[in-house]
């Protein structure tokens, strides 16, 4: 089972790499033509960024043992 996980993971790396660069090129194109962006697109991108930040904060809180002040040492 352990072998299969790594085999399938390494087999999917080329397609993931290709998809990443396609997405990055798309974002660069949007940034170049930022005057053509619609409010809806900007709103969706903003909400996505806020969601990523919220998940980061939740992960930090879980990593600290569900405390807001710091780690228990």
PDB file of N, CA and C in Angstrom:
ATOM      1  N   UNK A   1       0.828  -1.192   0.000  1.00  0.00           N
ATOM      2  CA  UNK A   1       0.000   0.000   0.000  1.00  0.00           C
ATOM      3  C   UNK A   1       0.871   1.253   0.000  1.00  0.00           C
ATOM      4  N   UNK A   2       1.928   1.228   0.794  1.00  0.00           N
ATOM      5  CA  UNK A   2       2.825   2.367   0.888  1.00  0.00           C
ATOM      6  C   UNK A   2       3.472   2.653  -0.465  1.00  0.00           C
ATOM      7  N   UNK A   3       3.867   1.613  -1.170  1.00  0.00           N
ATOM      8  CA  UNK A   3       4.504   1.756  -2.482  1.00  0.00           C
ATOM      9  C   UNK A   3       3.544   2.382  -3.481  1.00  0.00           C
ATOM     10  N   UNK A   4       2.287   1.954  -3.463  1.00  0.00           N
ATOM     11  CA  UNK A   4       1.308   2.463  -4.412  1.00  0.00           C
ATOM     12  C   UNK A   4       1.057   3.957  -4.218  1.00  0.00           C
ATOM     13  N   UNK A   5       1.040   4.405  -2.967  1.00  0.00           N
ATOM     14  CA  UNK A   5       0.828   5.828  -2.710  1.00  0.00           C
ATOM     15  C   UNK A   5       1.921   6.655  -3.368  1.00  0.00           C
ATOM     16  N   UNK A   6       3.164   6.294  -3.131  1.00  0.00           N
ATOM     17  CA  UNK A   6       4.262   7.057  -3.717  1.00  0.00           C
ATOM     18  C   UNK A   6       4.315   6.911  -5.225  1.00  0.00           C
ATOM     19  N   UNK A   7       3.987   5.741  -5.741  1.00  0.00           N
ATOM     20  CA  UNK A   7       3.986   5.543  -7.183  1.00  0.00           C
ATOM     21  C   UNK A   7       2.975   6.466  -7.856  1.00  0.00           C
ATOM     22  N   UNK A   8       1.758   6.491  -7.344  1.00  0.00           N
ATOM     23  CA  UNK A   8       0.721   7.330  -7.941  1.00  0.00           C
ATOM     24  C   UNK A   8       1.004   8.812  -7.719  1.00  0.00           C
ATOM     25  N   UNK A   9       1.603   9.140  -6.567  1.00  0.00           N
ATOM     26  CA  UNK A   9       1.950  10.536  -6.310  1.00  0.00           C
ATOM     27  C   UNK A   9       3.004  11.016  -7.304  1.00  0.00           C
ATOM     28  N   UNK A  10       4.052  10.247  -7.508  1.00  0.00           N
ATOM     29  CA  UNK A  10       5.114  10.652  -8.421  1.00  0.00           C
ATOM     30  C   UNK A  10       4.650  10.630  -9.876  1.00  0.00           C
ATOM     31  N   UNK A  11       3.716   9.759 -10.198  1.00  0.00           N
ATOM     32  CA  UNK A  11       3.190   9.735 -11.567  1.00  0.00           C
ATOM     33  C   UNK A  11       2.353  10.975 -11.861  1.00  0.00           C
ATOM     34  N   UNK A  12       1.731  11.551 -10.846  1.00  0.00           N
ATOM     35  CA  UNK A  12       0.870  12.713 -11.074  1.00  0.00           C
ATOM     36  C   UNK A  12       1.641  14.028 -11.036  1.00  0.00           C
ATOM     37  N   UNK A  13       2.915  14.008 -10.690  1.00  0.00           N
ATOM     38  CA  UNK A  13       3.680  15.255 -10.598  1.00  0.00           C
ATOM     39  C   UNK A  13       3.786  16.005 -11.929  1.00  0.00           C
ATOM     40  N   UNK A  14       4.051  15.353 -13.061  1.00  0.00           N
ATOM     41  CA  UNK A  14       4.139  16.130 -14.305  1.00  0.00           C
ATOM     42  C   UNK A  14       2.841  16.863 -14.651  1.00  0.00           C
ATOM     43  N   UNK A  15       1.709  16.231 -14.442  1.00  0.00           N
ATOM     44  CA  UNK A  15       0.443  16.903 -14.764  1.00  0.00           C
ATOM     45  C   UNK A  15       0.158  18.033 -13.782  1.00  0.00           C
ATOM     46  N   UNK A  16       0.530  17.843 -12.511  1.00  0.00           N
ATOM     47  CA  UNK A  16       0.345  18.911 -11.529  1.00  0.00           C
ATOM     48  C   UNK A  16       1.237  20.095 -11.860  1.00  0.00           C
ATOM     49  N   UNK A  17       2.473  19.815 -12.263  1.00  0.00           N
ATOM     50  CA  UNK A  17       3.407  20.874 -12.623  1.00  0.00           C
ATOM     51  C   UNK A  17       2.892  21.656 -13.828  1.00  0.00           C
ATOM     52  N   UNK A  18       2.399  20.945 -14.816  1.00  0.00           N
ATOM     53  CA  UNK A  18       1.852  21.599 -16.014  1.00  0.00           C
ATOM     54  C   UNK A  18       0.640  22.453 -15.663  1.00  0.00           C
ATOM     55  N   UNK A  19      -0.239  21.946 -14.827  1.00  0.00           N
ATOM     56  CA  UNK A  19      -1.430  22.698 -14.432  1.00  0.00           C
ATOM     57  C   UNK A  19      -1.050  23.940 -13.633  1.00  0.00           C
ATOM     58  N   UNK A  20      -0.037  23.838 -12.784  1.00  0.00           N
ATOM     59  CA  UNK A  20       0.412  24.986 -12.004  1.00  0.00           C
ATOM     60  C   UNK A  20       0.896  26.103 -12.916  1.00  0.00           C
ATOM     61  N   UNK A  21       1.706  25.763 -13.914  1.00  0.00           N
ATOM     62  CA  UNK A  21       2.244  26.800 -14.798  1.00  0.00           C
ATOM     63  C   UNK A  21       1.165  27.400 -15.684  1.00  0.00           C
ATOM     64  N   UNK A  22       0.160  26.604 -16.067  1.00  0.00           N
ATOM     65  CA  UNK A  22      -0.954  27.152 -16.837  1.00  0.00           C
ATOM     66  C   UNK A  22      -1.747  28.157 -15.996  1.00  0.00           C
ATOM     67  N   UNK A  23      -1.982  27.800 -14.736  1.00  0.00           N
ATOM     68  CA  UNK A  23      -2.704  28.711 -13.846  1.00  0.00           C
ATOM     69  C   UNK A  23      -1.908  29.989 -13.613  1.00  0.00           C
ATOM     70  N   UNK A  24      -0.602  29.859 -13.432  1.00  0.00           N
ATOM     71  CA  UNK A  24       0.233  31.033 -13.215  1.00  0.00           C
ATOM     72  C   UNK A  24       0.229  31.944 -14.446  1.00  0.00           C
ATOM     73  N   UNK A  25       0.294  31.379 -15.631  1.00  0.00           N
ATOM     74  CA  UNK A  25       0.223  32.179 -16.854  1.00  0.00           C
ATOM     75  C   UNK A  25      -1.123  32.888 -16.971  1.00  0.00           C
ATOM     76  N   UNK A  26      -2.182  32.207 -16.563  1.00  0.00           N
ATOM     77  CA  UNK A  26      -3.518  32.811 -16.593  1.00  0.00           C
ATOM     78  C   UNK A  26      -3.599  34.006 -15.640  1.00  0.00           C
ATOM     79  N   UNK A  27      -3.051  33.853 -14.442  1.00  0.00           N
ATOM     80  CA  UNK A  27      -3.070  34.946 -13.463  1.00  0.00           C
ATOM     81  C   UNK A  27      -2.231  36.114 -13.968  1.00  0.00           C
ATOM     82  N   UNK A  28      -1.085  35.814 -14.591  1.00  0.00           N
ATOM     83  CA  UNK A  28      -0.260  36.890 -15.161  1.00  0.00           C
ATOM     84  C   UNK A  28      -1.027  37.642 -16.247  1.00  0.00           C
ATOM     85  N   UNK A  29      -1.766  36.905 -17.072  1.00  0.00           N
ATOM     86  CA  UNK A  29      -2.572  37.544 -18.105  1.00  0.00           C
ATOM     87  C   UNK A  29      -3.666  38.419 -17.514  1.00  0.00           C
ATOM     88  N   UNK A  30      -4.292  37.944 -16.443  1.00  0.00           N
ATOM     89  CA  UNK A  30      -5.317  38.758 -15.782  1.00  0.00           C
ATOM     90  C   UNK A  30      -4.703  40.019 -15.180  1.00  0.00           C
ATOM     91  N   UNK A  31      -3.515  39.891 -14.621  1.00  0.00           N
ATOM     92  CA  UNK A  31      -2.869  41.051 -14.008  1.00  0.00           C
ATOM     93  C   UNK A  31      -2.481  42.087 -15.061  1.00  0.00           C
ATOM     94  N   UNK A  32      -2.053  41.617 -16.242  1.00  0.00           N
ATOM     95  CA  UNK A  32      -1.704  42.549 -17.318  1.00  0.00           C
ATOM     96  C   UNK A  32      -2.934  43.330 -17.781  1.00  0.00           C
ATOM     97  N   UNK A  33      -4.064  42.661 -17.852  1.00  0.00           N
ATOM     98  CA  UNK A  33      -5.302  43.276 -18.330  1.00  0.00           C
ATOM     99  C   UNK A  33      -6.243  43.548 -17.162  1.00  0.00           C
ATOM    100  N   UNK A  34      -5.715  44.124 -16.092  1.00  0.00           N
ATOM    101  CA  UNK A  34      -6.546  44.313 -14.902  1.00  0.00           C
ATOM    102  C   UNK A  34      -7.658  45.334 -15.102  1.00  0.00           C
ATOM    103  N   UNK A  35      -7.554  46.150 -16.137  1.00  0.00           N
ATOM    104  CA  UNK A  35      -8.633  47.105 -16.413  1.00  0.00           C
ATOM    105  C   UNK A  35      -9.867  46.405 -16.964  1.00  0.00           C
ATOM    106  N   UNK A  36      -9.688  45.204 -17.511  1.00  0.00           N
ATOM    107  CA  UNK A  36     -10.802  44.457 -18.081  1.00  0.00           C
ATOM    108  C   UNK A  36     -11.494  43.555 -17.067  1.00  0.00           C
ATOM    109  N   UNK A  37     -11.027  43.544 -15.821  1.00  0.00           N
ATOM    110  CA  UNK A  37     -11.623  42.671 -14.812  1.00  0.00           C
ATOM    111  C   UNK A  37     -12.993  43.198 -14.394  1.00  0.00           C
ATOM    112  N   UNK A  38     -13.879  42.288 -14.109  1.00  0.00           N
ATOM    113  CA  UNK A  38     -15.213  42.639 -13.624  1.00  0.00           C
ATOM    114  C   UNK A  38     -15.211  42.605 -12.101  1.00  0.00           C
ATOM    115  N   UNK A  39     -16.146  43.288 -11.512  1.00  0.00           N
ATOM    116  CA  UNK A  39     -16.258  43.329 -10.057  1.00  0.00           C
ATOM    117  C   UNK A  39     -16.492  41.931  -9.508  1.00  0.00           C
ATOM    118  N   UNK A  40     -17.239  41.117 -10.224  1.00  0.00           N
ATOM    119  CA  UNK A  40     -17.514  39.751  -9.780  1.00  0.00           C
ATOM    120  C   UNK A  40     -16.229  38.941  -9.679  1.00  0.00           C
ATOM    121  N   UNK A  41     -15.355  39.060 -10.665  1.00  0.00           N
ATOM    122  CA  UNK A  41     -14.095  38.321 -10.642  1.00  0.00           C
ATOM    123  C   UNK A  41     -13.201  38.775  -9.486  1.00  0.00           C
ATOM    124  N   UNK A  42     -13.155  40.071  -9.265  1.00  0.00           N
ATOM    125  CA  UNK A  42     -12.341  40.599  -8.162  1.00  0.00           C
ATOM    126  C   UNK A  42     -12.920  40.141  -6.827  1.00  0.00           C
ATOM    127  N   UNK A  43     -14.233  40.129  -6.707  1.00  0.00           N
ATOM    128  CA  UNK A  43     -14.874  39.683  -5.474  1.00  0.00           C
ATOM    129  C   UNK A  43     -14.609  38.217  -5.186  1.00  0.00           C
ATOM    130  N   UNK A  44     -14.683  37.387  -6.210  1.00  0.00           N
ATOM    131  CA  UNK A  44     -14.415  35.963  -6.021  1.00  0.00           C
ATOM    132  C   UNK A  44     -12.964  35.746  -5.615  1.00  0.00           C
ATOM    133  N   UNK A  45     -12.039  36.457  -6.252  1.00  0.00           N
ATOM    134  CA  UNK A  45     -10.622  36.331  -5.896  1.00  0.00           C
ATOM    135  C   UNK A  45     -10.376  36.789  -4.461  1.00  0.00           C
ATOM    136  N   UNK A  46     -11.045  37.854  -4.057  1.00  0.00           N
ATOM    137  CA  UNK A  46     -10.895  38.357  -2.688  1.00  0.00           C
ATOM    138  C   UNK A  46     -11.437  37.352  -1.678  1.00  0.00           C
ATOM    139  N   UNK A  47     -12.601  36.798  -1.962  1.00  0.00           N
ATOM    140  CA  UNK A  47     -13.162  35.789  -1.056  1.00  0.00           C
ATOM    141  C   UNK A  47     -12.283  34.553  -0.973  1.00  0.00           C
ATOM    142  N   UNK A  48     -11.692  34.158  -2.092  1.00  0.00           N
ATOM    143  CA  UNK A  48     -10.786  33.014  -2.083  1.00  0.00           C
ATOM    144  C   UNK A  48      -9.566  33.310  -1.210  1.00  0.00           C
ATOM    145  N   UNK A  49      -9.002  34.505  -1.335  1.00  0.00           N
ATOM    146  CA  UNK A  49      -7.863  34.885  -0.507  1.00  0.00           C
ATOM    147  C   UNK A  49      -8.216  34.909   0.973  1.00  0.00           C
ATOM    148  N   UNK A  50      -9.391  35.432   1.298  1.00  0.00           N
ATOM    149  CA  UNK A  50      -9.833  35.447   2.693  1.00  0.00           C
ATOM    150  C   UNK A  50     -10.049  34.039   3.235  1.00  0.00           C
ATOM    151  N   UNK A  51     -10.572  33.160   2.386  1.00  0.00           N
ATOM    152  CA  UNK A  51     -10.764  31.779   2.832  1.00  0.00           C
ATOM    153  C   UNK A  51      -9.429  31.099   3.098  1.00  0.00           C
ATOM    154  N   UNK A  52      -8.451  31.331   2.228  1.00  0.00           N
ATOM    155  CA  UNK A  52      -7.109  30.766   2.453  1.00  0.00           C
ATOM    156  C   UNK A  52      -6.514  31.286   3.759  1.00  0.00           C
ATOM    157  N   UNK A  53      -6.673  32.582   4.008  1.00  0.00           N
ATOM    158  CA  UNK A  53      -6.173  33.165   5.252  1.00  0.00           C
ATOM    159  C   UNK A  53      -6.892  32.573   6.464  1.00  0.00           C
ATOM    160  N   UNK A  54      -8.198  32.363   6.359  1.00  0.00           N
ATOM    161  CA  UNK A  54      -8.970  31.788   7.469  1.00  0.00           C
ATOM    162  C   UNK A  54      -8.511  30.362   7.759  1.00  0.00           C
ATOM    163  N   UNK A  55      -8.270  29.568   6.707  1.00  0.00           N
ATOM    164  CA  UNK A  55      -7.778  28.206   6.927  1.00  0.00           C
ATOM    165  C   UNK A  55      -6.385  28.218   7.542  1.00  0.00           C
ATOM    166  N   UNK A  56      -5.551  29.185   7.152  1.00  0.00           N
ATOM    167  CA  UNK A  56      -4.228  29.315   7.762  1.00  0.00           C
ATOM    168  C   UNK A  56      -4.363  29.612   9.245  1.00  0.00           C
ATOM    169  N   UNK A  57      -5.242  30.552   9.594  1.00  0.00           N
ATOM    170  CA  UNK A  57      -5.445  30.897  10.998  1.00  0.00           C
ATOM    171  C   UNK A  57      -5.994  29.717  11.786  1.00  0.00           C
ATOM    172  N   UNK A  58      -6.925  28.991  11.203  1.00  0.00           N
ATOM    173  CA  UNK A  58      -7.478  27.809  11.877  1.00  0.00           C
ATOM    174  C   UNK A  58      -6.391  26.766  12.099  1.00  0.00           C
ATOM    175  N   UNK A  59      -5.532  26.574  11.113  1.00  0.00           N
ATOM    176  CA  UNK A  59      -4.439  25.620  11.272  1.00  0.00           C
ATOM    177  C   UNK A  59      -3.464  26.037  12.350  1.00  0.00           C
ATOM    178  N   UNK A  60      -3.197  27.330  12.452  1.00  0.00           N
ATOM    179  CA  UNK A  60      -2.312  27.814  13.505  1.00  0.00           C
ATOM    180  C   UNK A  60      -2.938  27.594  14.884  1.00  0.00           C
ATOM    181  N   UNK A  61      -4.230  27.838  15.003  1.00  0.00           N
ATOM    182  CA  UNK A  61      -4.909  27.641  16.285  1.00  0.00           C
ATOM    183  C   UNK A  61      -4.895  26.171  16.663  1.00  0.00           C
ATOM    184  N   UNK A  62      -5.146  25.285  15.718  1.00  0.00           N
ATOM    185  CA  UNK A  62      -5.112  23.852  15.995  1.00  0.00           C
ATOM    186  C   UNK A  62      -3.693  23.428  16.367  1.00  0.00           C
ATOM    187  N   UNK A  63      -2.702  23.973  15.658  1.00  0.00           N
ATOM    188  CA  UNK A  63      -1.320  23.629  15.951  1.00  0.00           C
ATOM    189  C   UNK A  63      -0.868  24.088  17.322  1.00  0.00           C
ATOM    190  N   UNK A  64      -1.477  25.123  17.835  1.00  0.00           N
ATOM    191  CA  UNK A  64      -1.137  25.621  19.165  1.00  0.00           C
ATOM    192  C   UNK A  64      -1.921  24.916  20.260  1.00  0.00           C
ATOM    193  N   UNK A  65      -2.682  23.941  19.928  1.00  0.00           N
ATOM    194  CA  UNK A  65      -3.452  23.219  20.944  1.00  0.00           C
ATOM    195  C   UNK A  65      -4.749  23.933  21.278  1.00  0.00           C
ATOM    196  N   UNK A  66      -5.348  24.575  20.288  1.00  0.00           N
ATOM    197  CA  UNK A  66      -6.624  25.280  20.429  1.00  0.00           C
ATOM    198  C   UNK A  66      -6.544  26.432  21.428  1.00  0.00           C
ATOM    199  N   UNK A  67      -5.405  27.134  21.417  1.00  0.00           N
ATOM    200  CA  UNK A  67      -5.282  28.339  22.236  1.00  0.00           C
ATOM    201  C   UNK A  67      -5.007  29.514  21.290  1.00  0.00           C
ATOM    202  N   UNK A  68      -5.449  30.687  21.696  1.00  0.00           N
ATOM    203  CA  UNK A  68      -5.208  31.883  20.894  1.00  0.00           C
ATOM    204  C   UNK A  68      -3.913  32.581  21.306  1.00  0.00           C
ATOM    205  N   UNK A  69      -3.429  32.319  22.504  1.00  0.00           N
ATOM    206  CA  UNK A  69      -2.305  33.078  23.029  1.00  0.00           C
ATOM    207  C   UNK A  69      -0.949  32.480  22.676  1.00  0.00           C
ATOM    208  N   UNK A  70      -0.845  31.187  22.582  1.00  0.00           N
ATOM    209  CA  UNK A  70       0.461  30.606  22.265  1.00  0.00           C
ATOM    210  C   UNK A  70       0.514  29.120  22.517  1.00  0.00           C
ATOM    211  N   UNK A  71       1.689  28.608  22.384  1.00  0.00           N
ATOM    212  CA  UNK A  71       1.910  27.170  22.538  1.00  0.00           C
ATOM    213  C   UNK A  71       2.083  26.816  24.015  1.00  0.00           C
ATOM    214  N   UNK A  72       1.645  25.617  24.349  1.00  0.00           N
ATOM    215  CA  UNK A  72       1.932  25.082  25.674  1.00  0.00           C
ATOM    216  C   UNK A  72       3.302  24.423  25.604  1.00  0.00           C
ATOM    217  N   UNK A  73       4.203  24.848  26.481  1.00  0.00           N
ATOM    218  CA  UNK A  73       5.561  24.286  26.471  1.00  0.00           C
ATOM    219  C   UNK A  73       5.767  23.452  27.706  1.00  0.00           C
TER     220      UNK A  73
END
